[in-house]
Amino acid sequence: MTLTDYLIDISLIAIVGFQVRGRRITPRALLLPVGIVTYVALTYLRGIPTAGHDLILVLGCAGGALHGGLAGRFTSVHPDDDGIPVAKAGLAAVALWILGTGGRLAFQVYATHGGGAAIERFSATHSITSVAAWTDALILMALCEAVIRTGILGWRASTLRRQGTVASHSAPAPRQPVLSGWRSIMEGSERSF
């Protein structure tokens, strides 16, 4: 594993960490995890292996969609004081996201620091024909997890906007000037002080 690999995995874990306190759902916030995973996919994914049981491994790891779906489900979406949708990850969402991302990181560390022989034996026993199958499966797992979670949060934020409970980014709510309240008090016939 390279330093870049570690930084990518740590940044994916940190993304959900920021949402524990609540984070505005903006296009940038939605696309950041998908962008990171897409970068990884474009860098490392060379195809989907189908020999032996490689495809079964890939499809099994695509179950990351379940992690992403559940993480999206356990993340609340509500408008903030300015009417912008905010995502706030619950404990279950954080646990699921860390389990998925941290599990992949742990597997990568294990594979590159002494676990390679055990993975090769497992692969031979279960007709997994290449190391590329493991790489592709883990990348597709991360991609499914990020895309599904992002899709759910984007859909929920869009639903709030359509219901009119949040402000649009293009038209901020007009603010009442502070001085107008004081002027009405001072110019009125009665003083309140």
N, C-alpha and C. Protein backbone atom coordinates (compact mmCIF):
# COMPACT_ATOMS: atom_id res chain seq x y z
N MET A 1 0.84 -1.18 0.00
CA MET A 1 0.00 0.00 0.00
C MET A 1 0.88 1.24 0.00
N THR A 2 0.44 2.22 -0.75
CA THR A 2 1.18 3.48 -0.81
C THR A 2 0.56 4.47 0.18
N LEU A 3 1.25 5.57 0.37
CA LEU A 3 0.72 6.63 1.24
C LEU A 3 -0.61 7.14 0.69
N THR A 4 -0.73 7.22 -0.63
CA THR A 4 -1.98 7.66 -1.26
C THR A 4 -3.12 6.72 -0.90
N ASP A 5 -2.86 5.41 -0.92
CA ASP A 5 -3.90 4.43 -0.56
C ASP A 5 -4.39 4.65 0.87
N TYR A 6 -3.45 4.86 1.79
CA TYR A 6 -3.84 5.13 3.18
C TYR A 6 -4.66 6.41 3.29
N LEU A 7 -4.20 7.46 2.61
CA LEU A 7 -4.91 8.75 2.68
C LEU A 7 -6.32 8.66 2.10
N ILE A 8 -6.49 7.91 1.03
CA ILE A 8 -7.82 7.75 0.44
C ILE A 8 -8.75 7.06 1.42
N ASP A 9 -8.29 5.97 2.03
CA ASP A 9 -9.14 5.24 2.98
C ASP A 9 -9.45 6.08 4.21
N ILE A 10 -8.46 6.78 4.71
CA ILE A 10 -8.68 7.62 5.90
C ILE A 10 -9.63 8.77 5.57
N SER A 11 -9.51 9.36 4.38
CA SER A 11 -10.41 10.46 4.02
C SER A 11 -11.85 9.96 3.87
N LEU A 12 -12.04 8.75 3.37
CA LEU A 12 -13.40 8.20 3.28
C LEU A 12 -14.00 7.98 4.66
N ILE A 13 -13.19 7.56 5.62
CA ILE A 13 -13.68 7.40 7.00
C ILE A 13 -14.00 8.77 7.59
N ALA A 14 -13.13 9.75 7.31
CA ALA A 14 -13.33 11.09 7.88
C ALA A 14 -14.59 11.77 7.35
N ILE A 15 -14.97 11.46 6.13
CA ILE A 15 -16.16 12.09 5.55
C ILE A 15 -17.38 11.87 6.42
N VAL A 16 -17.59 10.63 6.86
CA VAL A 16 -18.75 10.37 7.69
C VAL A 16 -18.53 10.93 9.10
N GLY A 17 -17.27 11.02 9.52
CA GLY A 17 -16.98 11.61 10.82
C GLY A 17 -17.43 13.06 10.91
N PHE A 18 -17.29 13.81 9.79
CA PHE A 18 -17.74 15.19 9.76
C PHE A 18 -19.26 15.29 9.91
N GLN A 19 -19.96 14.26 9.50
CA GLN A 19 -21.42 14.30 9.54
C GLN A 19 -21.99 13.94 10.89
N VAL A 20 -21.16 13.56 11.84
CA VAL A 20 -21.66 13.28 13.19
C VAL A 20 -22.23 14.57 13.79
N ARG A 21 -21.57 15.68 13.55
CA ARG A 21 -22.06 16.97 14.06
C ARG A 21 -23.08 17.60 13.14
N GLY A 22 -23.15 17.11 11.92
CA GLY A 22 -24.05 17.66 10.93
C GLY A 22 -23.28 18.41 9.87
N ARG A 23 -23.63 18.16 8.62
CA ARG A 23 -22.95 18.82 7.51
C ARG A 23 -23.98 19.15 6.44
N ARG A 24 -23.90 20.36 5.93
CA ARG A 24 -24.83 20.78 4.88
C ARG A 24 -24.71 19.88 3.67
N ILE A 25 -25.84 19.56 3.09
CA ILE A 25 -25.86 18.74 1.88
C ILE A 25 -25.81 19.68 0.69
N THR A 26 -24.62 19.79 0.15
CA THR A 26 -24.38 20.60 -1.04
C THR A 26 -23.92 19.67 -2.15
N PRO A 27 -23.93 20.12 -3.37
CA PRO A 27 -23.41 19.26 -4.44
C PRO A 27 -21.98 18.79 -4.16
N ARG A 28 -21.16 19.68 -3.63
CA ARG A 28 -19.77 19.31 -3.31
C ARG A 28 -19.72 18.24 -2.23
N ALA A 29 -20.50 18.39 -1.19
CA ALA A 29 -20.51 17.41 -0.11
C ALA A 29 -21.02 16.06 -0.59
N LEU A 30 -21.98 16.08 -1.50
CA LEU A 30 -22.50 14.82 -2.04
C LEU A 30 -21.51 14.15 -2.98
N LEU A 31 -20.82 14.93 -3.78
CA LEU A 31 -19.96 14.35 -4.80
C LEU A 31 -18.56 14.00 -4.30
N LEU A 32 -18.15 14.50 -3.15
CA LEU A 32 -16.80 14.24 -2.65
C LEU A 32 -16.54 12.74 -2.47
N PRO A 33 -17.37 11.98 -1.72
CA PRO A 33 -17.05 10.56 -1.57
C PRO A 33 -17.13 9.80 -2.89
N VAL A 34 -18.08 10.16 -3.73
CA VAL A 34 -18.20 9.49 -5.03
C VAL A 34 -16.99 9.84 -5.90
N GLY A 35 -16.52 11.07 -5.82
CA GLY A 35 -15.34 11.48 -6.57
C GLY A 35 -14.09 10.74 -6.13
N ILE A 36 -13.92 10.57 -4.83
CA ILE A 36 -12.76 9.85 -4.32
C ILE A 36 -12.79 8.40 -4.80
N VAL A 37 -13.93 7.75 -4.67
CA VAL A 37 -14.04 6.35 -5.08
C VAL A 37 -13.92 6.21 -6.59
N THR A 38 -14.46 7.16 -7.34
CA THR A 38 -14.33 7.13 -8.79
C THR A 38 -12.87 7.26 -9.21
N TYR A 39 -12.13 8.14 -8.52
CA TYR A 39 -10.69 8.27 -8.79
C TYR A 39 -9.99 6.93 -8.56
N VAL A 40 -10.30 6.28 -7.47
CA VAL A 40 -9.69 4.98 -7.18
C VAL A 40 -10.07 3.97 -8.25
N ALA A 41 -11.34 3.96 -8.64
CA ALA A 41 -11.79 3.01 -9.66
C ALA A 41 -11.06 3.26 -10.99
N LEU A 42 -10.94 4.51 -11.38
CA LEU A 42 -10.25 4.82 -12.64
C LEU A 42 -8.77 4.49 -12.57
N THR A 43 -8.19 4.61 -11.38
CA THR A 43 -6.77 4.34 -11.21
C THR A 43 -6.46 2.85 -11.16
N TYR A 44 -7.27 2.07 -10.45
CA TYR A 44 -6.93 0.68 -10.18
C TYR A 44 -7.81 -0.36 -10.88
N LEU A 45 -9.02 -0.03 -11.21
CA LEU A 45 -9.94 -1.02 -11.78
C LEU A 45 -9.61 -1.24 -13.25
N ARG A 46 -9.34 -2.47 -13.61
CA ARG A 46 -8.97 -2.80 -14.98
C ARG A 46 -10.04 -3.61 -15.69
N GLY A 47 -11.04 -4.04 -14.99
CA GLY A 47 -12.10 -4.85 -15.58
C GLY A 47 -12.73 -5.70 -14.49
N ILE A 48 -13.73 -6.44 -14.87
CA ILE A 48 -14.38 -7.32 -13.90
C ILE A 48 -14.03 -8.76 -14.28
N PRO A 49 -13.20 -9.41 -13.45
CA PRO A 49 -12.80 -10.78 -13.78
C PRO A 49 -13.98 -11.74 -13.63
N THR A 50 -14.06 -12.69 -14.57
CA THR A 50 -15.18 -13.63 -14.55
C THR A 50 -14.74 -15.09 -14.50
N ALA A 51 -13.43 -15.35 -14.49
CA ALA A 51 -12.95 -16.73 -14.46
C ALA A 51 -13.18 -17.35 -13.07
N GLY A 52 -13.33 -18.66 -13.02
CA GLY A 52 -13.52 -19.35 -11.74
C GLY A 52 -14.67 -18.75 -10.96
N HIS A 53 -14.41 -18.48 -9.70
CA HIS A 53 -15.41 -17.86 -8.83
C HIS A 53 -15.15 -16.36 -8.62
N ASP A 54 -14.36 -15.78 -9.52
CA ASP A 54 -14.04 -14.35 -9.40
C ASP A 54 -15.30 -13.49 -9.41
N LEU A 55 -16.21 -13.81 -10.31
CA LEU A 55 -17.43 -13.01 -10.42
C LEU A 55 -18.29 -13.12 -9.16
N ILE A 56 -18.31 -14.29 -8.54
CA ILE A 56 -19.05 -14.46 -7.28
C ILE A 56 -18.45 -13.56 -6.20
N LEU A 57 -17.10 -13.50 -6.14
CA LEU A 57 -16.43 -12.62 -5.18
C LEU A 57 -16.80 -11.17 -5.45
N VAL A 58 -16.75 -10.77 -6.71
CA VAL A 58 -17.06 -9.38 -7.08
C VAL A 58 -18.51 -9.05 -6.71
N LEU A 59 -19.43 -9.94 -7.05
CA LEU A 59 -20.85 -9.69 -6.74
C LEU A 59 -21.09 -9.69 -5.24
N GLY A 60 -20.40 -10.55 -4.52
CA GLY A 60 -20.53 -10.57 -3.06
C GLY A 60 -20.05 -9.28 -2.43
N CYS A 61 -18.95 -8.76 -2.94
CA CYS A 61 -18.43 -7.50 -2.41
C CYS A 61 -19.27 -6.31 -2.85
N ALA A 62 -20.00 -6.46 -3.96
CA ALA A 62 -20.91 -5.40 -4.37
C ALA A 62 -22.03 -5.24 -3.35
N GLY A 63 -22.08 -6.15 -2.38
CA GLY A 63 -22.99 -6.00 -1.25
C GLY A 63 -22.68 -4.75 -0.44
N GLY A 64 -21.60 -4.05 -0.82
CA GLY A 64 -21.32 -2.76 -0.21
C GLY A 64 -22.49 -1.81 -0.40
N ALA A 65 -23.31 -2.11 -1.40
CA ALA A 65 -24.52 -1.32 -1.61
C ALA A 65 -25.42 -1.40 -0.38
N LEU A 66 -25.44 -2.56 0.27
CA LEU A 66 -26.23 -2.71 1.49
C LEU A 66 -25.67 -1.83 2.60
N HIS A 67 -24.34 -1.81 2.76
CA HIS A 67 -23.73 -0.92 3.76
C HIS A 67 -24.07 0.53 3.47
N GLY A 68 -23.93 0.91 2.20
CA GLY A 68 -24.23 2.29 1.82
C GLY A 68 -25.68 2.63 2.04
N GLY A 69 -26.58 1.71 1.71
CA GLY A 69 -28.01 1.95 1.91
C GLY A 69 -28.37 2.10 3.37
N LEU A 70 -27.81 1.23 4.20
CA LEU A 70 -28.10 1.32 5.63
C LEU A 70 -27.46 2.56 6.25
N ALA A 71 -26.25 2.91 5.81
CA ALA A 71 -25.62 4.14 6.31
C ALA A 71 -26.44 5.36 5.93
N GLY A 72 -26.99 5.36 4.71
CA GLY A 72 -27.87 6.45 4.30
C GLY A 72 -29.15 6.48 5.10
N ARG A 73 -29.68 5.31 5.41
CA ARG A 73 -30.92 5.20 6.18
C ARG A 73 -30.76 5.74 7.60
N PHE A 74 -29.60 5.47 8.20
CA PHE A 74 -29.36 5.89 9.58
C PHE A 74 -28.68 7.25 9.68
N THR A 75 -28.76 8.02 8.61
CA THR A 75 -28.29 9.41 8.61
C THR A 75 -29.52 10.29 8.48
N SER A 76 -29.73 11.16 9.47
CA SER A 76 -30.91 12.03 9.42
C SER A 76 -30.63 13.20 8.48
N VAL A 77 -31.68 13.66 7.82
CA VAL A 77 -31.59 14.82 6.93
C VAL A 77 -32.69 15.78 7.36
N HIS A 78 -32.28 17.00 7.71
CA HIS A 78 -33.23 18.02 8.16
C HIS A 78 -32.70 19.40 7.77
N PRO A 79 -33.57 20.40 7.70
CA PRO A 79 -33.10 21.74 7.36
C PRO A 79 -32.42 22.40 8.57
N ASP A 80 -31.38 23.19 8.28
CA ASP A 80 -30.74 23.95 9.36
C ASP A 80 -31.45 25.29 9.51
N ASP A 81 -30.89 26.19 10.32
CA ASP A 81 -31.52 27.49 10.58
C ASP A 81 -31.68 28.34 9.32
N ASP A 82 -30.79 28.13 8.34
CA ASP A 82 -30.88 28.87 7.07
C ASP A 82 -31.74 28.15 6.04
N GLY A 83 -32.28 27.00 6.41
CA GLY A 83 -33.13 26.25 5.49
C GLY A 83 -32.38 25.34 4.54
N ILE A 84 -31.09 25.13 4.77
CA ILE A 84 -30.28 24.25 3.91
C ILE A 84 -30.33 22.84 4.52
N PRO A 85 -30.53 21.81 3.68
CA PRO A 85 -30.56 20.45 4.22
C PRO A 85 -29.21 20.07 4.86
N VAL A 86 -29.29 19.42 6.00
CA VAL A 86 -28.12 18.99 6.75
C VAL A 86 -28.22 17.50 6.97
N ALA A 87 -27.10 16.80 6.75
CA ALA A 87 -27.03 15.36 7.03
C ALA A 87 -26.31 15.19 8.36
N LYS A 88 -26.91 14.42 9.23
CA LYS A 88 -26.29 14.15 10.53
C LYS A 88 -26.27 12.63 10.71
N ALA A 89 -25.06 12.08 10.69
CA ALA A 89 -24.91 10.63 10.78
C ALA A 89 -25.17 10.16 12.20
N GLY A 90 -26.01 9.14 12.30
CA GLY A 90 -26.25 8.51 13.60
C GLY A 90 -25.17 7.50 13.90
N LEU A 91 -25.19 6.96 15.10
CA LEU A 91 -24.19 6.00 15.53
C LEU A 91 -24.15 4.78 14.61
N ALA A 92 -25.32 4.29 14.21
CA ALA A 92 -25.37 3.13 13.32
C ALA A 92 -24.76 3.45 11.96
N ALA A 93 -25.02 4.64 11.43
CA ALA A 93 -24.44 5.04 10.14
C ALA A 93 -22.93 5.11 10.22
N VAL A 94 -22.42 5.69 11.29
CA VAL A 94 -20.97 5.79 11.47
C VAL A 94 -20.37 4.39 11.58
N ALA A 95 -21.00 3.54 12.37
CA ALA A 95 -20.49 2.17 12.55
C ALA A 95 -20.47 1.42 11.23
N LEU A 96 -21.54 1.52 10.45
CA LEU A 96 -21.60 0.83 9.16
C LEU A 96 -20.56 1.36 8.18
N TRP A 97 -20.41 2.68 8.11
CA TRP A 97 -19.45 3.28 7.20
C TRP A 97 -18.03 2.87 7.58
N ILE A 98 -17.71 2.93 8.88
CA ILE A 98 -16.37 2.55 9.34
C ILE A 98 -16.15 1.06 9.15
N LEU A 99 -17.18 0.26 9.36
CA LEU A 99 -17.06 -1.18 9.14
C LEU A 99 -16.70 -1.47 7.68
N GLY A 100 -17.38 -0.82 6.75
CA GLY A 100 -17.10 -1.03 5.33
C GLY A 100 -15.74 -0.50 4.93
N THR A 101 -15.49 0.77 5.20
CA THR A 101 -14.24 1.39 4.79
C THR A 101 -13.06 0.86 5.60
N GLY A 102 -13.25 0.75 6.90
CA GLY A 102 -12.20 0.22 7.77
C GLY A 102 -11.89 -1.24 7.48
N GLY A 103 -12.92 -2.01 7.14
CA GLY A 103 -12.71 -3.41 6.79
C GLY A 103 -11.86 -3.55 5.53
N ARG A 104 -12.14 -2.72 4.54
CA ARG A 104 -11.31 -2.75 3.33
C ARG A 104 -9.88 -2.34 3.63
N LEU A 105 -9.72 -1.31 4.45
CA LEU A 105 -8.38 -0.87 4.84
C LEU A 105 -7.65 -1.98 5.58
N ALA A 106 -8.33 -2.62 6.52
CA ALA A 106 -7.71 -3.72 7.28
C ALA A 106 -7.31 -4.87 6.37
N PHE A 107 -8.17 -5.19 5.39
CA PHE A 107 -7.84 -6.26 4.45
C PHE A 107 -6.61 -5.89 3.63
N GLN A 108 -6.52 -4.65 3.18
CA GLN A 108 -5.37 -4.21 2.39
C GLN A 108 -4.09 -4.28 3.21
N VAL A 109 -4.16 -3.83 4.46
CA VAL A 109 -2.99 -3.88 5.33
C VAL A 109 -2.59 -5.33 5.57
N TYR A 110 -3.55 -6.19 5.84
CA TYR A 110 -3.29 -7.61 6.07
C TYR A 110 -2.66 -8.24 4.83
N ALA A 111 -3.20 -7.94 3.65
CA ALA A 111 -2.71 -8.54 2.41
C ALA A 111 -1.27 -8.11 2.10
N THR A 112 -0.93 -6.88 2.41
CA THR A 112 0.41 -6.38 2.07
C THR A 112 1.43 -6.54 3.19
N HIS A 113 0.99 -6.95 4.37
CA HIS A 113 1.91 -7.09 5.51
C HIS A 113 1.83 -8.49 6.14
N GLY A 114 1.94 -9.51 5.31
CA GLY A 114 2.06 -10.86 5.84
C GLY A 114 0.88 -11.78 5.58
N GLY A 115 -0.25 -11.27 5.14
CA GLY A 115 -1.41 -12.12 4.92
C GLY A 115 -1.56 -12.62 3.50
N GLY A 116 -0.65 -12.23 2.63
CA GLY A 116 -0.75 -12.60 1.23
C GLY A 116 -0.82 -14.10 1.00
N ALA A 117 0.00 -14.87 1.72
CA ALA A 117 0.01 -16.33 1.53
C ALA A 117 -1.33 -16.95 1.93
N ALA A 118 -1.91 -16.47 3.03
CA ALA A 118 -3.21 -16.99 3.47
C ALA A 118 -4.30 -16.65 2.46
N ILE A 119 -4.24 -15.45 1.90
CA ILE A 119 -5.23 -15.05 0.89
C ILE A 119 -5.06 -15.89 -0.36
N GLU A 120 -3.80 -16.18 -0.74
CA GLU A 120 -3.56 -17.05 -1.91
C GLU A 120 -4.13 -18.45 -1.68
N ARG A 121 -3.93 -19.01 -0.48
CA ARG A 121 -4.48 -20.35 -0.18
C ARG A 121 -6.00 -20.33 -0.24
N PHE A 122 -6.62 -19.29 0.35
CA PHE A 122 -8.07 -19.15 0.32
C PHE A 122 -8.55 -19.06 -1.13
N SER A 123 -7.84 -18.25 -1.91
CA SER A 123 -8.23 -18.05 -3.31
C SER A 123 -8.15 -19.36 -4.09
N ALA A 124 -7.07 -20.12 -3.89
CA ALA A 124 -6.91 -21.40 -4.59
C ALA A 124 -8.00 -22.38 -4.18
N THR A 125 -8.33 -22.43 -2.89
CA THR A 125 -9.36 -23.34 -2.39
C THR A 125 -10.73 -22.99 -2.96
N HIS A 126 -11.00 -21.71 -3.16
CA HIS A 126 -12.33 -21.26 -3.58
C HIS A 126 -12.38 -20.82 -5.05
N SER A 127 -11.41 -21.25 -5.84
CA SER A 127 -11.36 -20.98 -7.29
C SER A 127 -11.40 -19.50 -7.65
N ILE A 128 -10.75 -18.69 -6.83
CA ILE A 128 -10.57 -17.28 -7.17
C ILE A 128 -9.24 -17.21 -7.89
N THR A 129 -9.26 -16.81 -9.14
CA THR A 129 -8.12 -17.03 -10.02
C THR A 129 -7.04 -15.96 -10.00
N SER A 130 -7.33 -14.78 -9.46
CA SER A 130 -6.32 -13.72 -9.54
C SER A 130 -6.43 -12.75 -8.37
N VAL A 131 -5.30 -12.07 -8.14
CA VAL A 131 -5.27 -10.99 -7.15
C VAL A 131 -6.15 -9.84 -7.64
N ALA A 132 -6.21 -9.67 -8.95
CA ALA A 132 -7.03 -8.60 -9.53
C ALA A 132 -8.49 -8.76 -9.13
N ALA A 133 -8.94 -9.99 -8.94
CA ALA A 133 -10.34 -10.20 -8.52
C ALA A 133 -10.58 -9.57 -7.16
N TRP A 134 -9.63 -9.70 -6.24
CA TRP A 134 -9.76 -9.10 -4.91
C TRP A 134 -9.76 -7.58 -5.02
N THR A 135 -8.84 -7.05 -5.78
CA THR A 135 -8.75 -5.60 -5.95
C THR A 135 -10.03 -5.04 -6.56
N ASP A 136 -10.48 -5.67 -7.64
CA ASP A 136 -11.68 -5.20 -8.32
C ASP A 136 -12.91 -5.32 -7.42
N ALA A 137 -13.00 -6.41 -6.67
CA ALA A 137 -14.14 -6.61 -5.78
C ALA A 137 -14.19 -5.54 -4.69
N LEU A 138 -13.04 -5.23 -4.10
CA LEU A 138 -13.01 -4.22 -3.04
C LEU A 138 -13.30 -2.82 -3.58
N ILE A 139 -12.80 -2.52 -4.77
CA ILE A 139 -13.07 -1.21 -5.37
C ILE A 139 -14.56 -1.07 -5.70
N LEU A 140 -15.14 -2.12 -6.29
CA LEU A 140 -16.57 -2.06 -6.61
C LEU A 140 -17.41 -1.99 -5.34
N MET A 141 -16.95 -2.64 -4.27
CA MET A 141 -17.66 -2.55 -2.99
C MET A 141 -17.69 -1.10 -2.50
N ALA A 142 -16.53 -0.43 -2.54
CA ALA A 142 -16.46 0.96 -2.11
C ALA A 142 -17.31 1.86 -3.00
N LEU A 143 -17.26 1.61 -4.30
CA LEU A 143 -18.04 2.42 -5.24
C LEU A 143 -19.53 2.26 -4.98
N CYS A 144 -19.98 1.03 -4.80
CA CYS A 144 -21.41 0.79 -4.51
C CYS A 144 -21.82 1.47 -3.20
N GLU A 145 -20.98 1.33 -2.19
CA GLU A 145 -21.29 1.91 -0.88
C GLU A 145 -21.42 3.43 -0.97
N ALA A 146 -20.46 4.08 -1.61
CA ALA A 146 -20.48 5.55 -1.70
C ALA A 146 -21.63 6.04 -2.58
N VAL A 147 -21.86 5.40 -3.71
CA VAL A 147 -22.90 5.86 -4.63
C VAL A 147 -24.29 5.68 -4.02
N ILE A 148 -24.55 4.55 -3.40
CA ILE A 148 -25.87 4.31 -2.81
C ILE A 148 -26.12 5.27 -1.65
N ARG A 149 -25.15 5.44 -0.75
CA ARG A 149 -25.34 6.35 0.38
C ARG A 149 -25.55 7.78 -0.11
N THR A 150 -24.73 8.20 -1.06
CA THR A 150 -24.85 9.55 -1.61
C THR A 150 -26.20 9.73 -2.29
N GLY A 151 -26.62 8.72 -3.04
CA GLY A 151 -27.92 8.80 -3.71
C GLY A 151 -29.06 8.95 -2.73
N ILE A 152 -29.01 8.21 -1.63
CA ILE A 152 -30.07 8.29 -0.62
C ILE A 152 -30.09 9.68 0.02
N LEU A 153 -28.92 10.19 0.39
CA LEU A 153 -28.87 11.53 1.02
C LEU A 153 -29.31 12.61 0.05
N GLY A 154 -28.88 12.50 -1.21
CA GLY A 154 -29.30 13.48 -2.22
C GLY A 154 -30.80 13.43 -2.46
N TRP A 155 -31.36 12.23 -2.51
CA TRP A 155 -32.80 12.06 -2.71
C TRP A 155 -33.58 12.65 -1.54
N ARG A 156 -33.11 12.39 -0.31
CA ARG A 156 -33.81 12.91 0.86
C ARG A 156 -33.73 14.44 0.93
N ALA A 157 -32.57 15.01 0.57
CA ALA A 157 -32.44 16.47 0.54
C ALA A 157 -33.34 17.06 -0.54
N SER A 158 -33.40 16.40 -1.68
CA SER A 158 -34.27 16.85 -2.77
C SER A 158 -35.74 16.79 -2.35
N THR A 159 -36.11 15.76 -1.63
CA THR A 159 -37.49 15.64 -1.13
C THR A 159 -37.82 16.79 -0.20
N LEU A 160 -36.89 17.17 0.69
CA LEU A 160 -37.12 18.32 1.57
C LEU A 160 -37.30 19.60 0.76
N ARG A 161 -36.48 19.77 -0.26
CA ARG A 161 -36.58 20.97 -1.10
C ARG A 161 -37.92 21.03 -1.82
N ARG A 162 -38.36 19.88 -2.36
CA ARG A 162 -39.64 19.85 -3.08
C ARG A 162 -40.81 20.13 -2.13
N GLN A 163 -40.68 19.73 -0.89
CA GLN A 163 -41.75 19.98 0.08
C GLN A 163 -41.74 21.43 0.54
N GLY A 164 -40.70 22.16 0.14
CA GLY A 164 -40.63 23.57 0.50
C GLY A 164 -40.16 23.82 1.91
N THR A 165 -39.55 22.80 2.55
CA THR A 165 -39.09 22.98 3.92
C THR A 165 -37.67 23.48 4.00
N VAL A 166 -36.99 23.58 2.85
CA VAL A 166 -35.64 24.11 2.86
C VAL A 166 -35.51 25.16 1.78
N ALA A 167 -34.54 26.03 1.97
CA ALA A 167 -34.31 27.09 1.00
C ALA A 167 -33.50 26.56 -0.16
N SER A 168 -33.68 27.15 -1.31
CA SER A 168 -32.89 26.81 -2.48
C SER A 168 -31.55 27.53 -2.40
N HIS A 169 -30.48 26.92 -2.91
CA HIS A 169 -29.17 27.58 -2.92
C HIS A 169 -29.18 28.79 -3.82
N SER A 170 -30.03 28.79 -4.84
CA SER A 170 -30.00 29.88 -5.80
C SER A 170 -30.69 31.13 -5.28
N ALA A 171 -31.61 31.00 -4.36
CA ALA A 171 -32.33 32.16 -3.86
C ALA A 171 -32.34 32.14 -2.33
N PRO A 172 -31.34 32.77 -1.70
CA PRO A 172 -31.33 32.78 -0.25
C PRO A 172 -32.51 33.58 0.30
N ALA A 173 -32.93 33.18 1.47
CA ALA A 173 -34.08 33.85 2.10
C ALA A 173 -33.70 35.30 2.42
N PRO A 174 -34.61 36.24 2.13
CA PRO A 174 -34.30 37.64 2.44
C PRO A 174 -34.22 37.85 3.95
N ARG A 175 -33.26 38.64 4.36
CA ARG A 175 -33.08 38.91 5.79
C ARG A 175 -33.69 40.26 6.13
N GLN A 176 -34.29 40.35 7.28
CA GLN A 176 -34.88 41.59 7.77
C GLN A 176 -33.74 42.48 8.24
N PRO A 177 -33.66 43.71 7.76
CA PRO A 177 -32.61 44.61 8.24
C PRO A 177 -32.74 44.85 9.74
N VAL A 178 -31.60 44.86 10.41
CA VAL A 178 -31.59 45.03 11.86
C VAL A 178 -32.10 46.41 12.26
N LEU A 179 -31.73 47.42 11.52
CA LEU A 179 -32.10 48.78 11.90
C LEU A 179 -33.58 49.08 11.74
N SER A 180 -34.29 48.36 10.90
CA SER A 180 -35.69 48.69 10.68
C SER A 180 -36.51 48.48 11.96
N GLY A 181 -36.16 47.50 12.75
CA GLY A 181 -36.86 47.29 14.02
C GLY A 181 -36.63 48.44 14.98
N TRP A 182 -35.41 48.94 15.04
CA TRP A 182 -35.08 50.06 15.92
C TRP A 182 -35.74 51.35 15.44
N ARG A 183 -35.77 51.55 14.14
CA ARG A 183 -36.39 52.76 13.61
C ARG A 183 -37.87 52.81 13.97
N SER A 184 -38.54 51.68 13.84
CA SER A 184 -39.97 51.69 14.15
C SER A 184 -40.19 51.98 15.62
N ILE A 185 -39.29 51.55 16.47
CA ILE A 185 -39.43 51.83 17.90
C ILE A 185 -39.18 53.31 18.17
N MET A 186 -38.08 53.83 17.57
CA MET A 186 -37.69 55.21 17.81
C MET A 186 -38.67 56.20 17.18
N GLU A 187 -39.24 55.90 16.01
CA GLU A 187 -40.11 56.83 15.32
C GLU A 187 -41.55 56.71 15.78
N GLY A 188 -41.88 55.68 16.49
CA GLY A 188 -43.25 55.49 16.93
C GLY A 188 -43.64 56.52 17.98
N SER A 189 -44.92 56.68 18.18
CA SER A 189 -45.41 57.68 19.14
C SER A 189 -45.12 57.24 20.56
N GLU A 190 -45.02 55.96 20.77
CA GLU A 190 -44.74 55.48 22.11
C GLU A 190 -43.35 54.90 22.16
N ARG A 191 -42.64 55.21 23.18
CA ARG A 191 -41.33 54.61 23.37
C ARG A 191 -41.47 53.46 24.34
N SER A 192 -40.74 52.40 24.01
CA SER A 192 -40.87 51.23 24.87
C SER A 192 -39.82 51.20 25.97
N PHE A 193 -39.07 52.30 26.13
CA PHE A 193 -38.08 52.33 27.20
C PHE A 193 -38.14 53.60 27.98
